Amino acid sequence: MHTIRTPDLPSREITDEALYWNRREWLKAAGFVAAALPLAPSTLAATRGDDDELTPWETVTGYNNFYEFGTGKEDPKRNAQGFVTNPWSVEVSGEVKNPRTWDLDDLIRGLAVEERVYRMRCVEAWSMVIPWNGFRLRDLIDRLEPTSKARFVEFTTLHDVRRMPGQRSSILDWPYTEALRMDEAMHPLTLMVTGVYGKTLPPQNGAPLRLIVPWKYGFKGGKSIVRIRFTQRQPLTTWNVMAPHEYGFYANVNPNVDHPRWSQKKERRLGEFFRRDTLMFNGYADEVASLYTGMDLRRNY
């Protein structure tokens, strides 16, 4: 098992799962859990979901949407066993000062690592609360130096039917692509993830590098990323192309806009029996609503 692919993080500093809960409770009691600061790799800090119970490791890593490994929720964990993520390279292209292909370790070396607890919601009306380990996307973008023409950033998932058996299906047009507007990408809540629960990110969760945008539906977070492209024009994204009447480009959590096949007003937190109200922008409205001032949030969802 690899250690977390984050810079300068020795294996001794990865929190043992048996100690994780006690340590988090100590931090919470000491008043540190709500801090949202640049952190040293060994520091645990939950920036969101402070009052919510964490979704258990077994659920986070065993109930996944990752169609590259199968469409069933249990398929990714089963079919991703043995998926090799080291070495891994990421191509950087488009409106960027120095387009090149990076070794992942070189690409992220020196970036400040932190843990953030985020509420994550799927369009099928289920949700989780997950402690992700990673670094701010904006810090990576600053390193890549996009040009002034860059208005969007696109993320592409690995396409390899030998390693990702779900890609033998025609359910999606492979490879999987997602994209953000630059101001969304530069928002401090947007995270590039390399781990979860203080451990290496498992393949079924998008190893070795995935995107998390907590105010958007979960499908917006591209997994196993091999290409980052900066563009002037809004890129095509997989679900928006496959089902434009169901999935908008922005994919913001808006309980006032029903999916054509189900309501978005309620959600069920995995592990809970009762459903709860879905929050606008997944509960992050205070931080991100200003990004969409003047937009029709019923159309641009």
C-alpha atoms as a PDB file:
ATOM      1  CA  MET A   1       0.000   0.000   0.000  1.00  0.00           C
ATOM      2  CA  HIS A   2       1.353   3.402  -0.973  1.00  0.00           C
ATOM      3  CA  THR A   3       1.664   6.223   1.501  1.00  0.00           C
ATOM      4  CA  ILE A   4      -0.439   9.300   0.766  1.00  0.00           C
ATOM      5  CA  ARG A   5       0.771  11.011  -2.412  1.00  0.00           C
ATOM      6  CA  THR A   6       1.110  14.342  -0.728  1.00  0.00           C
ATOM      7  CA  PRO A   7       4.372  16.219  -0.293  1.00  0.00           C
ATOM      8  CA  ASP A   8       6.658  15.597   2.663  1.00  0.00           C
ATOM      9  CA  LEU A   9       4.241  13.293   4.495  1.00  0.00           C
ATOM     10  CA  PRO A  10       6.065  10.397   6.153  1.00  0.00           C
ATOM     11  CA  SER A  11       4.018   7.296   6.870  1.00  0.00           C
ATOM     12  CA  ARG A  12       4.468   7.740  10.618  1.00  0.00           C
ATOM     13  CA  GLU A  13       2.308  10.880  10.413  1.00  0.00           C
ATOM     14  CA  ILE A  14      -0.708   9.109   8.906  1.00  0.00           C
ATOM     15  CA  THR A  15      -3.278   8.795  11.656  1.00  0.00           C
ATOM     16  CA  ASP A  16      -4.056   5.194  12.538  1.00  0.00           C
ATOM     17  CA  GLU A  17      -7.748   4.520  11.947  1.00  0.00           C
ATOM     18  CA  ALA A  18      -8.201   3.196  15.470  1.00  0.00           C
ATOM     19  CA  LEU A  19      -6.921   6.509  16.876  1.00  0.00           C
ATOM     20  CA  TYR A  20      -8.646   8.782  14.369  1.00  0.00           C
ATOM     21  CA  TRP A  21     -11.939   9.234  16.186  1.00  0.00           C
ATOM     22  CA  ASN A  22     -10.368   9.909  19.589  1.00  0.00           C
ATOM     23  CA  ARG A  23      -7.994  12.442  18.087  1.00  0.00           C
ATOM     24  CA  ARG A  24     -10.795  14.239  16.248  1.00  0.00           C
ATOM     25  CA  GLU A  25     -12.879  14.423  19.412  1.00  0.00           C
ATOM     26  CA  TRP A  26      -9.906  15.876  21.280  1.00  0.00           C
ATOM     27  CA  LEU A  27      -9.429  18.511  18.577  1.00  0.00           C
ATOM     28  CA  LYS A  28     -13.111  19.357  18.628  1.00  0.00           C
ATOM     29  CA  ALA A  29     -13.119  19.745  22.394  1.00  0.00           C
ATOM     30  CA  ALA A  30     -10.051  21.973  22.144  1.00  0.00           C
ATOM     31  CA  GLY A  31     -11.787  24.217  19.622  1.00  0.00           C
ATOM     32  CA  PHE A  32      -9.590  23.355  16.631  1.00  0.00           C
ATOM     33  CA  VAL A  33     -12.036  21.416  14.459  1.00  0.00           C
ATOM     34  CA  ALA A  34     -13.692  24.466  12.949  1.00  0.00           C
ATOM     35  CA  ALA A  35     -10.434  26.091  11.886  1.00  0.00           C
ATOM     36  CA  ALA A  36     -10.044  26.766   8.154  1.00  0.00           C
ATOM     37  CA  LEU A  37      -6.336  27.583   7.934  1.00  0.00           C
ATOM     38  CA  PRO A  38      -3.364  26.443   5.849  1.00  0.00           C
ATOM     39  CA  LEU A  39      -2.211  23.380   7.751  1.00  0.00           C
ATOM     40  CA  ALA A  40       0.857  21.261   8.186  1.00  0.00           C
ATOM     41  CA  PRO A  41       0.445  17.709   6.834  1.00  0.00           C
ATOM     42  CA  SER A  42       0.156  16.132  10.288  1.00  0.00           C
ATOM     43  CA  THR A  43      -2.550  18.532  11.466  1.00  0.00           C
ATOM     44  CA  LEU A  44      -6.198  17.467  11.409  1.00  0.00           C
ATOM     45  CA  ALA A  45      -8.725  20.232  10.837  1.00  0.00           C
ATOM     46  CA  ALA A  46     -12.358  19.796   9.858  1.00  0.00           C
ATOM     47  CA  THR A  47     -13.570  22.827   7.946  1.00  0.00           C
ATOM     48  CA  ARG A  48     -17.160  21.735   7.357  1.00  0.00           C
ATOM     49  CA  GLY A  49     -19.705  19.272   8.709  1.00  0.00           C
ATOM     50  CA  ASP A  50     -18.462  19.965  12.228  1.00  0.00           C
ATOM     51  CA  ASP A  51     -21.721  18.934  13.886  1.00  0.00           C
ATOM     52  CA  ASP A  52     -22.378  16.018  11.547  1.00  0.00           C
ATOM     53  CA  GLU A  53     -21.364  12.464  12.256  1.00  0.00           C
ATOM     54  CA  LEU A  54     -18.721  11.211   9.861  1.00  0.00           C
ATOM     55  CA  THR A  55     -19.768   8.552   7.382  1.00  0.00           C
ATOM     56  CA  PRO A  56     -17.913   5.331   8.332  1.00  0.00           C
ATOM     57  CA  TRP A  57     -14.803   4.340   6.403  1.00  0.00           C
ATOM     58  CA  GLU A  58     -16.477   1.150   5.205  1.00  0.00           C
ATOM     59  CA  THR A  59     -19.289   3.151   3.586  1.00  0.00           C
ATOM     60  CA  VAL A  60     -17.059   5.881   2.147  1.00  0.00           C
ATOM     61  CA  THR A  61     -14.852   3.277   0.472  1.00  0.00           C
ATOM     62  CA  GLY A  62     -17.500   0.662  -0.309  1.00  0.00           C
ATOM     63  CA  TYR A  63     -20.462   2.603  -1.738  1.00  0.00           C
ATOM     64  CA  ASN A  64     -19.220   4.561  -4.741  1.00  0.00           C
ATOM     65  CA  ASN A  65     -20.233   6.088  -8.048  1.00  0.00           C
ATOM     66  CA  PHE A  66     -17.301   5.450 -10.366  1.00  0.00           C
ATOM     67  CA  TYR A  67     -18.642   4.090 -13.646  1.00  0.00           C
ATOM     68  CA  GLU A  68     -15.141   3.367 -14.937  1.00  0.00           C
ATOM     69  CA  PHE A  69     -15.246   0.394 -12.566  1.00  0.00           C
ATOM     70  CA  GLY A  70     -18.932  -0.456 -12.960  1.00  0.00           C
ATOM     71  CA  THR A  71     -22.369   1.097 -12.497  1.00  0.00           C
ATOM     72  CA  GLY A  72     -23.322  -0.703  -9.273  1.00  0.00           C
ATOM     73  CA  LYS A  73     -22.477   1.035  -6.024  1.00  0.00           C
ATOM     74  CA  GLU A  74     -20.365  -1.920  -4.871  1.00  0.00           C
ATOM     75  CA  ASP A  75     -18.716  -2.498  -8.274  1.00  0.00           C
ATOM     76  CA  PRO A  76     -15.884   0.057  -7.922  1.00  0.00           C
ATOM     77  CA  LYS A  77     -14.433  -1.426  -4.754  1.00  0.00           C
ATOM     78  CA  ARG A  78     -14.522  -4.932  -6.217  1.00  0.00           C
ATOM     79  CA  ASN A  79     -13.280  -4.051  -9.708  1.00  0.00           C
ATOM     80  CA  ALA A  80     -10.611  -1.532  -8.665  1.00  0.00           C
ATOM     81  CA  GLN A  81      -8.605  -4.051  -6.657  1.00  0.00           C
ATOM     82  CA  GLY A  82      -5.055  -4.075  -7.996  1.00  0.00           C
ATOM     83  CA  PHE A  83      -5.455  -0.741  -9.811  1.00  0.00           C
ATOM     84  CA  VAL A  84      -1.907   0.658  -9.970  1.00  0.00           C
ATOM     85  CA  THR A  85      -1.522   4.392  -9.318  1.00  0.00           C
ATOM     86  CA  ASN A  86       2.254   4.710  -9.054  1.00  0.00           C
ATOM     87  CA  PRO A  87       3.812   6.001 -11.245  1.00  0.00           C
ATOM     88  CA  TRP A  88       1.162   8.481 -12.402  1.00  0.00           C
ATOM     89  CA  SER A  89       1.454  11.422 -14.767  1.00  0.00           C
ATOM     90  CA  VAL A  90      -0.780  14.433 -15.416  1.00  0.00           C
ATOM     91  CA  GLU A  91      -0.772  16.324 -18.704  1.00  0.00           C
ATOM     92  CA  VAL A  92      -1.231  20.094 -18.370  1.00  0.00           C
ATOM     93  CA  SER A  93      -2.321  21.844 -21.581  1.00  0.00           C
ATOM     94  CA  GLY A  94      -4.225  24.727 -23.129  1.00  0.00           C
ATOM     95  CA  GLU A  95      -4.018  28.327 -21.980  1.00  0.00           C
ATOM     96  CA  VAL A  96      -1.082  27.820 -19.645  1.00  0.00           C
ATOM     97  CA  LYS A  97       2.403  29.316 -19.536  1.00  0.00           C
ATOM     98  CA  ASN A  98       4.298  26.027 -19.727  1.00  0.00           C
ATOM     99  CA  PRO A  99       2.264  23.093 -21.084  1.00  0.00           C
ATOM    100  CA  ARG A 100       3.909  19.807 -20.181  1.00  0.00           C
ATOM    101  CA  THR A 101       3.337  16.360 -18.703  1.00  0.00           C
ATOM    102  CA  TRP A 102       4.154  16.137 -15.003  1.00  0.00           C
ATOM    103  CA  ASP A 103       4.953  13.226 -12.755  1.00  0.00           C
ATOM    104  CA  LEU A 104       2.271  13.501 -10.071  1.00  0.00           C
ATOM    105  CA  ASP A 105       4.766  13.598  -7.210  1.00  0.00           C
ATOM    106  CA  ASP A 106       6.623  16.465  -8.878  1.00  0.00           C
ATOM    107  CA  LEU A 107       3.386  18.283  -9.654  1.00  0.00           C
ATOM    108  CA  ILE A 108       2.155  18.408  -6.066  1.00  0.00           C
ATOM    109  CA  ARG A 109       5.443  18.481  -4.179  1.00  0.00           C
ATOM    110  CA  GLY A 110       5.499  21.243  -1.572  1.00  0.00           C
ATOM    111  CA  LEU A 111       1.803  22.071  -1.686  1.00  0.00           C
ATOM    112  CA  ALA A 112       0.265  22.541   1.779  1.00  0.00           C
ATOM    113  CA  VAL A 113      -1.773  19.514   2.817  1.00  0.00           C
ATOM    114  CA  GLU A 114      -4.825  19.756   5.038  1.00  0.00           C
ATOM    115  CA  GLU A 115      -7.838  17.748   6.057  1.00  0.00           C
ATOM    116  CA  ARG A 116     -11.346  19.026   5.426  1.00  0.00           C
ATOM    117  CA  VAL A 117     -14.608  17.445   6.455  1.00  0.00           C
ATOM    118  CA  TYR A 118     -17.151  18.109   3.719  1.00  0.00           C
ATOM    119  CA  ARG A 119     -20.774  17.231   3.184  1.00  0.00           C
ATOM    120  CA  MET A 120     -21.038  15.468  -0.183  1.00  0.00           C
ATOM    121  CA  ARG A 121     -24.332  14.946  -2.022  1.00  0.00           C
ATOM    122  CA  CYS A 122     -25.245  12.722  -4.962  1.00  0.00           C
ATOM    123  CA  VAL A 123     -28.062  13.516  -7.395  1.00  0.00           C
ATOM    124  CA  GLU A 124     -29.809  10.282  -6.389  1.00  0.00           C
ATOM    125  CA  ALA A 125     -30.630  12.070  -3.081  1.00  0.00           C
ATOM    126  CA  TRP A 126     -28.071  10.378  -0.836  1.00  0.00           C
ATOM    127  CA  SER A 127     -25.209  12.065   0.955  1.00  0.00           C
ATOM    128  CA  MET A 128     -22.121  11.476   3.090  1.00  0.00           C
ATOM    129  CA  VAL A 129     -19.850  13.445   5.438  1.00  0.00           C
ATOM    130  CA  ILE A 130     -16.238  12.697   4.519  1.00  0.00           C
ATOM    131  CA  PRO A 131     -12.824  13.754   5.903  1.00  0.00           C
ATOM    132  CA  TRP A 132     -10.780  14.350   2.754  1.00  0.00           C
ATOM    133  CA  ASN A 133      -7.014  14.965   2.695  1.00  0.00           C
ATOM    134  CA  GLY A 134      -5.653  17.210  -0.022  1.00  0.00           C
ATOM    135  CA  PHE A 135      -4.655  20.703  -1.071  1.00  0.00           C
ATOM    136  CA  ARG A 136      -6.432  23.717  -2.490  1.00  0.00           C
ATOM    137  CA  LEU A 137      -6.859  23.607  -6.251  1.00  0.00           C
ATOM    138  CA  ARG A 138      -6.000  27.299  -6.378  1.00  0.00           C
ATOM    139  CA  ASP A 139      -2.505  26.539  -5.068  1.00  0.00           C
ATOM    140  CA  LEU A 140      -1.978  24.026  -7.867  1.00  0.00           C
ATOM    141  CA  ILE A 141      -3.316  26.489 -10.445  1.00  0.00           C
ATOM    142  CA  ASP A 142      -0.922  29.147  -9.202  1.00  0.00           C
ATOM    143  CA  ARG A 143       1.931  26.710  -9.779  1.00  0.00           C
ATOM    144  CA  LEU A 144       0.743  25.927 -13.327  1.00  0.00           C
ATOM    145  CA  GLU A 145       0.471  29.629 -14.291  1.00  0.00           C
ATOM    146  CA  PRO A 146      -2.509  29.762 -16.675  1.00  0.00           C
ATOM    147  CA  THR A 147      -2.595  32.700 -19.073  1.00  0.00           C
ATOM    148  CA  SER A 148      -5.019  35.609 -18.855  1.00  0.00           C
ATOM    149  CA  LYS A 149      -7.122  33.898 -21.548  1.00  0.00           C
ATOM    150  CA  ALA A 150      -7.997  30.951 -19.291  1.00  0.00           C
ATOM    151  CA  ARG A 151     -11.651  31.149 -18.228  1.00  0.00           C
ATOM    152  CA  PHE A 152     -12.307  27.459 -17.514  1.00  0.00           C
ATOM    153  CA  VAL A 153     -10.325  24.464 -16.317  1.00  0.00           C
ATOM    154  CA  GLU A 154     -11.138  20.958 -17.541  1.00  0.00           C
ATOM    155  CA  PHE A 155     -10.291  17.647 -15.851  1.00  0.00           C
ATOM    156  CA  THR A 156     -10.046  14.328 -17.697  1.00  0.00           C
ATOM    157  CA  THR A 157     -10.094  10.858 -16.132  1.00  0.00           C
ATOM    158  CA  LEU A 158      -7.824   8.023 -17.249  1.00  0.00           C
ATOM    159  CA  HIS A 159      -9.166   6.049 -20.228  1.00  0.00           C
ATOM    160  CA  ASP A 160      -7.813   2.501 -20.172  1.00  0.00           C
ATOM    161  CA  VAL A 161     -10.267  -0.364 -20.660  1.00  0.00           C
ATOM    162  CA  ARG A 162      -7.667  -2.889 -19.492  1.00  0.00           C
ATOM    163  CA  ARG A 163      -7.437  -1.235 -16.074  1.00  0.00           C
ATOM    164  CA  MET A 164     -10.973   0.198 -15.869  1.00  0.00           C
ATOM    165  CA  PRO A 165     -13.380  -2.557 -16.964  1.00  0.00           C
ATOM    166  CA  GLY A 166     -16.437  -0.325 -16.728  1.00  0.00           C
ATOM    167  CA  GLN A 167     -15.175   1.565 -19.768  1.00  0.00           C
ATOM    168  CA  ARG A 168     -16.025  -1.451 -21.903  1.00  0.00           C
ATOM    169  CA  SER A 169     -19.621  -0.317 -21.528  1.00  0.00           C
ATOM    170  CA  SER A 170     -21.086   2.375 -23.794  1.00  0.00           C
ATOM    171  CA  ILE A 171     -23.066   3.926 -20.944  1.00  0.00           C
ATOM    172  CA  LEU A 172     -20.862   7.044 -21.183  1.00  0.00           C
ATOM    173  CA  ASP A 173     -18.685   8.595 -23.853  1.00  0.00           C
ATOM    174  CA  TRP A 174     -15.191   7.952 -22.496  1.00  0.00           C
ATOM    175  CA  PRO A 175     -12.969   9.442 -21.223  1.00  0.00           C
ATOM    176  CA  TYR A 176     -14.879  11.154 -18.429  1.00  0.00           C
ATOM    177  CA  THR A 177     -14.468  14.934 -18.380  1.00  0.00           C
ATOM    178  CA  GLU A 178     -15.558  17.645 -15.965  1.00  0.00           C
ATOM    179  CA  ALA A 179     -14.842  21.361 -15.805  1.00  0.00           C
ATOM    180  CA  LEU A 180     -15.131  24.442 -13.619  1.00  0.00           C
ATOM    181  CA  ARG A 181     -15.206  28.142 -14.259  1.00  0.00           C
ATOM    182  CA  MET A 182     -11.915  29.668 -13.133  1.00  0.00           C
ATOM    183  CA  ASP A 183     -13.467  31.535 -10.204  1.00  0.00           C
ATOM    184  CA  GLU A 184     -15.011  28.263  -8.996  1.00  0.00           C
ATOM    185  CA  ALA A 185     -11.657  26.507  -9.357  1.00  0.00           C
ATOM    186  CA  MET A 186      -9.897  29.281  -7.452  1.00  0.00           C
ATOM    187  CA  HIS A 187     -12.388  29.282  -4.580  1.00  0.00           C
ATOM    188  CA  PRO A 188     -10.682  28.194  -1.324  1.00  0.00           C
ATOM    189  CA  LEU A 189     -13.256  25.421  -0.715  1.00  0.00           C
ATOM    190  CA  THR A 190     -12.311  23.617  -3.946  1.00  0.00           C
ATOM    191  CA  LEU A 191      -9.969  20.753  -3.099  1.00  0.00           C
ATOM    192  CA  MET A 192      -7.699  18.369  -4.972  1.00  0.00           C
ATOM    193  CA  VAL A 193      -7.816  15.141  -2.982  1.00  0.00           C
ATOM    194  CA  THR A 194      -5.115  12.515  -2.455  1.00  0.00           C
ATOM    195  CA  GLY A 195      -6.408  10.820   0.701  1.00  0.00           C
ATOM    196  CA  VAL A 196      -9.341  10.134   2.979  1.00  0.00           C
ATOM    197  CA  TYR A 197      -9.483   9.451   6.728  1.00  0.00           C
ATOM    198  CA  GLY A 198      -5.759  10.217   6.849  1.00  0.00           C
ATOM    199  CA  LYS A 199      -4.983   7.312   4.545  1.00  0.00           C
ATOM    200  CA  THR A 200      -4.059   6.925   0.901  1.00  0.00           C
ATOM    201  CA  LEU A 201      -7.059   7.535  -1.358  1.00  0.00           C
ATOM    202  CA  PRO A 202      -8.371   4.095  -2.440  1.00  0.00           C
ATOM    203  CA  PRO A 203      -8.786   3.422  -6.183  1.00  0.00           C
ATOM    204  CA  GLN A 204     -12.570   3.214  -5.893  1.00  0.00           C
ATOM    205  CA  ASN A 205     -12.588   6.761  -4.508  1.00  0.00           C
ATOM    206  CA  GLY A 206     -10.582   8.211  -7.382  1.00  0.00           C
ATOM    207  CA  ALA A 207      -6.920   7.524  -6.621  1.00  0.00           C
ATOM    208  CA  PRO A 208      -4.417   8.934  -6.940  1.00  0.00           C
ATOM    209  CA  LEU A 209      -5.902  12.402  -7.619  1.00  0.00           C
ATOM    210  CA  ARG A 210      -9.492  13.613  -7.656  1.00  0.00           C
ATOM    211  CA  LEU A 211     -11.482  16.832  -7.437  1.00  0.00           C
ATOM    212  CA  ILE A 212     -13.908  17.812  -4.668  1.00  0.00           C
ATOM    213  CA  VAL A 213     -16.252  20.806  -5.036  1.00  0.00           C
ATOM    214  CA  PRO A 214     -18.470  20.538  -1.949  1.00  0.00           C
ATOM    215  CA  TRP A 215     -21.305  22.838  -3.064  1.00  0.00           C
ATOM    216  CA  LYS A 216     -21.875  20.792  -6.227  1.00  0.00           C
ATOM    217  CA  TYR A 217     -23.309  17.332  -6.815  1.00  0.00           C
ATOM    218  CA  GLY A 218     -20.775  14.564  -6.430  1.00  0.00           C
ATOM    219  CA  PHE A 219     -20.508  13.701 -10.124  1.00  0.00           C
ATOM    220  CA  LYS A 220     -18.749  17.039 -10.640  1.00  0.00           C
ATOM    221  CA  GLY A 221     -15.653  15.664  -8.877  1.00  0.00           C
ATOM    222  CA  GLY A 222     -13.547  14.020 -11.574  1.00  0.00           C
ATOM    223  CA  LYS A 223     -11.526  11.008 -10.411  1.00  0.00           C
ATOM    224  CA  SER A 224      -8.182   9.443 -11.360  1.00  0.00           C
ATOM    225  CA  ILE A 225      -7.265  12.628 -13.220  1.00  0.00           C
ATOM    226  CA  VAL A 226      -4.666  12.428 -15.994  1.00  0.00           C
ATOM    227  CA  ARG A 227      -5.218  15.745 -17.774  1.00  0.00           C
ATOM    228  CA  ILE A 228      -5.809  19.348 -16.702  1.00  0.00           C
ATOM    229  CA  ARG A 229      -6.615  21.740 -19.550  1.00  0.00           C
ATOM    230  CA  PHE A 230      -7.184  25.499 -19.372  1.00  0.00           C
ATOM    231  CA  THR A 231      -9.598  26.909 -21.962  1.00  0.00           C
ATOM    232  CA  GLN A 232     -11.176  30.150 -23.148  1.00  0.00           C
ATOM    233  CA  ARG A 233     -14.503  28.501 -23.947  1.00  0.00           C
ATOM    234  CA  GLN A 234     -16.726  26.412 -21.708  1.00  0.00           C
ATOM    235  CA  PRO A 235     -15.652  22.789 -22.211  1.00  0.00           C
ATOM    236  CA  LEU A 236     -18.011  19.925 -22.868  1.00  0.00           C
ATOM    237  CA  THR A 237     -18.565  17.787 -19.766  1.00  0.00           C
ATOM    238  CA  THR A 238     -19.599  14.152 -19.734  1.00  0.00           C
ATOM    239  CA  TRP A 239     -22.982  14.194 -18.015  1.00  0.00           C
ATOM    240  CA  ASN A 240     -24.037  17.492 -19.566  1.00  0.00           C
ATOM    241  CA  VAL A 241     -23.377  15.961 -23.011  1.00  0.00           C
ATOM    242  CA  MET A 242     -24.993  12.592 -22.251  1.00  0.00           C
ATOM    243  CA  ALA A 243     -28.137  13.953 -20.594  1.00  0.00           C
ATOM    244  CA  PRO A 244     -28.365  17.755 -21.004  1.00  0.00           C
ATOM    245  CA  HIS A 245     -32.025  17.785 -19.901  1.00  0.00           C
ATOM    246  CA  GLU A 246     -30.986  16.267 -16.557  1.00  0.00           C
ATOM    247  CA  TYR A 247     -27.478  17.570 -15.796  1.00  0.00           C
ATOM    248  CA  GLY A 248     -26.386  21.180 -16.177  1.00  0.00           C
ATOM    249  CA  PHE A 249     -22.806  22.357 -16.573  1.00  0.00           C
ATOM    250  CA  TYR A 250     -22.711  23.982 -13.135  1.00  0.00           C
ATOM    251  CA  ALA A 251     -24.187  21.084 -11.125  1.00  0.00           C
ATOM    252  CA  ASN A 252     -24.774  23.291  -8.084  1.00  0.00           C
ATOM    253  CA  VAL A 253     -26.885  21.720  -5.343  1.00  0.00           C
ATOM    254  CA  ASN A 254     -30.233  23.496  -5.682  1.00  0.00           C
ATOM    255  CA  PRO A 255     -33.138  21.818  -3.864  1.00  0.00           C
ATOM    256  CA  ASN A 256     -35.578  24.065  -5.735  1.00  0.00           C
ATOM    257  CA  VAL A 257     -34.782  22.382  -9.052  1.00  0.00           C
ATOM    258  CA  ASP A 258     -36.050  18.818  -9.299  1.00  0.00           C
ATOM    259  CA  HIS A 259     -34.205  16.238 -11.301  1.00  0.00           C
ATOM    260  CA  PRO A 260     -36.591  15.017 -14.049  1.00  0.00           C
ATOM    261  CA  ARG A 261     -36.801  11.635 -12.301  1.00  0.00           C
ATOM    262  CA  TRP A 262     -36.743  12.582  -8.612  1.00  0.00           C
ATOM    263  CA  SER A 263     -37.055  15.437  -6.165  1.00  0.00           C
ATOM    264  CA  GLN A 264     -33.962  17.198  -4.828  1.00  0.00           C
ATOM    265  CA  LYS A 265     -35.727  18.683  -1.798  1.00  0.00           C
ATOM    266  CA  LYS A 266     -34.787  15.867   0.583  1.00  0.00           C
ATOM    267  CA  GLU A 267     -31.739  13.666   1.023  1.00  0.00           C
ATOM    268  CA  ARG A 268     -30.820  10.591   3.031  1.00  0.00           C
ATOM    269  CA  ARG A 269     -27.501  10.603   4.815  1.00  0.00           C
ATOM    270  CA  LEU A 270     -26.047   7.114   4.443  1.00  0.00           C
ATOM    271  CA  GLY A 271     -26.370   5.338   7.768  1.00  0.00           C
ATOM    272  CA  GLU A 272     -29.490   7.300   8.766  1.00  0.00           C
ATOM    273  CA  PHE A 273     -33.091   6.167   8.461  1.00  0.00           C
ATOM    274  CA  PHE A 274     -34.876   9.503   8.110  1.00  0.00           C
ATOM    275  CA  ARG A 275     -34.443  11.963   5.250  1.00  0.00           C
ATOM    276  CA  ARG A 276     -33.356  15.543   5.860  1.00  0.00           C
ATOM    277  CA  ASP A 277     -33.875  18.809   3.992  1.00  0.00           C
ATOM    278  CA  THR A 278     -31.386  19.463   1.221  1.00  0.00           C
ATOM    279  CA  LEU A 279     -29.563  22.767   1.758  1.00  0.00           C
ATOM    280  CA  MET A 280     -28.942  25.308  -0.984  1.00  0.00           C
ATOM    281  CA  PHE A 281     -25.390  24.899  -2.314  1.00  0.00           C
ATOM    282  CA  ASN A 282     -25.213  21.879   0.016  1.00  0.00           C
ATOM    283  CA  GLY A 283     -24.990  24.232   3.007  1.00  0.00           C
ATOM    284  CA  TYR A 284     -22.173  26.404   1.623  1.00  0.00           C
ATOM    285  CA  ALA A 285     -24.329  29.292   0.400  1.00  0.00           C
ATOM    286  CA  ASP A 286     -22.630  31.884   2.600  1.00  0.00           C
ATOM    287  CA  GLU A 287     -19.292  31.069   1.004  1.00  0.00           C
ATOM    288  CA  VAL A 288     -20.207  30.541  -2.665  1.00  0.00           C
ATOM    289  CA  ALA A 289     -23.530  32.193  -3.560  1.00  0.00           C
ATOM    290  CA  SER A 290     -21.715  35.344  -4.686  1.00  0.00           C
ATOM    291  CA  LEU A 291     -20.105  33.347  -7.516  1.00  0.00           C
ATOM    292  CA  TYR A 292     -23.498  33.163  -9.193  1.00  0.00           C
ATOM    293  CA  THR A 293     -24.848  36.678  -8.663  1.00  0.00           C
ATOM    294  CA  GLY A 294     -27.204  37.609 -11.477  1.00  0.00           C
ATOM    295  CA  MET A 295     -27.509  34.051 -12.802  1.00  0.00           C
ATOM    296  CA  ASP A 296     -30.797  32.182 -13.121  1.00  0.00           C
ATOM    297  CA  LEU A 297     -30.191  29.352 -10.641  1.00  0.00           C
ATOM    298  CA  ARG A 298     -33.138  27.387 -11.993  1.00  0.00           C
ATOM    299  CA  ARG A 299     -31.519  27.219 -15.425  1.00  0.00           C
ATOM    300  CA  ASN A 300     -27.851  27.378 -14.489  1.00  0.00           C
ATOM    301  CA  TYR A 301     -27.875  24.638 -11.880  1.00  0.00           C
END
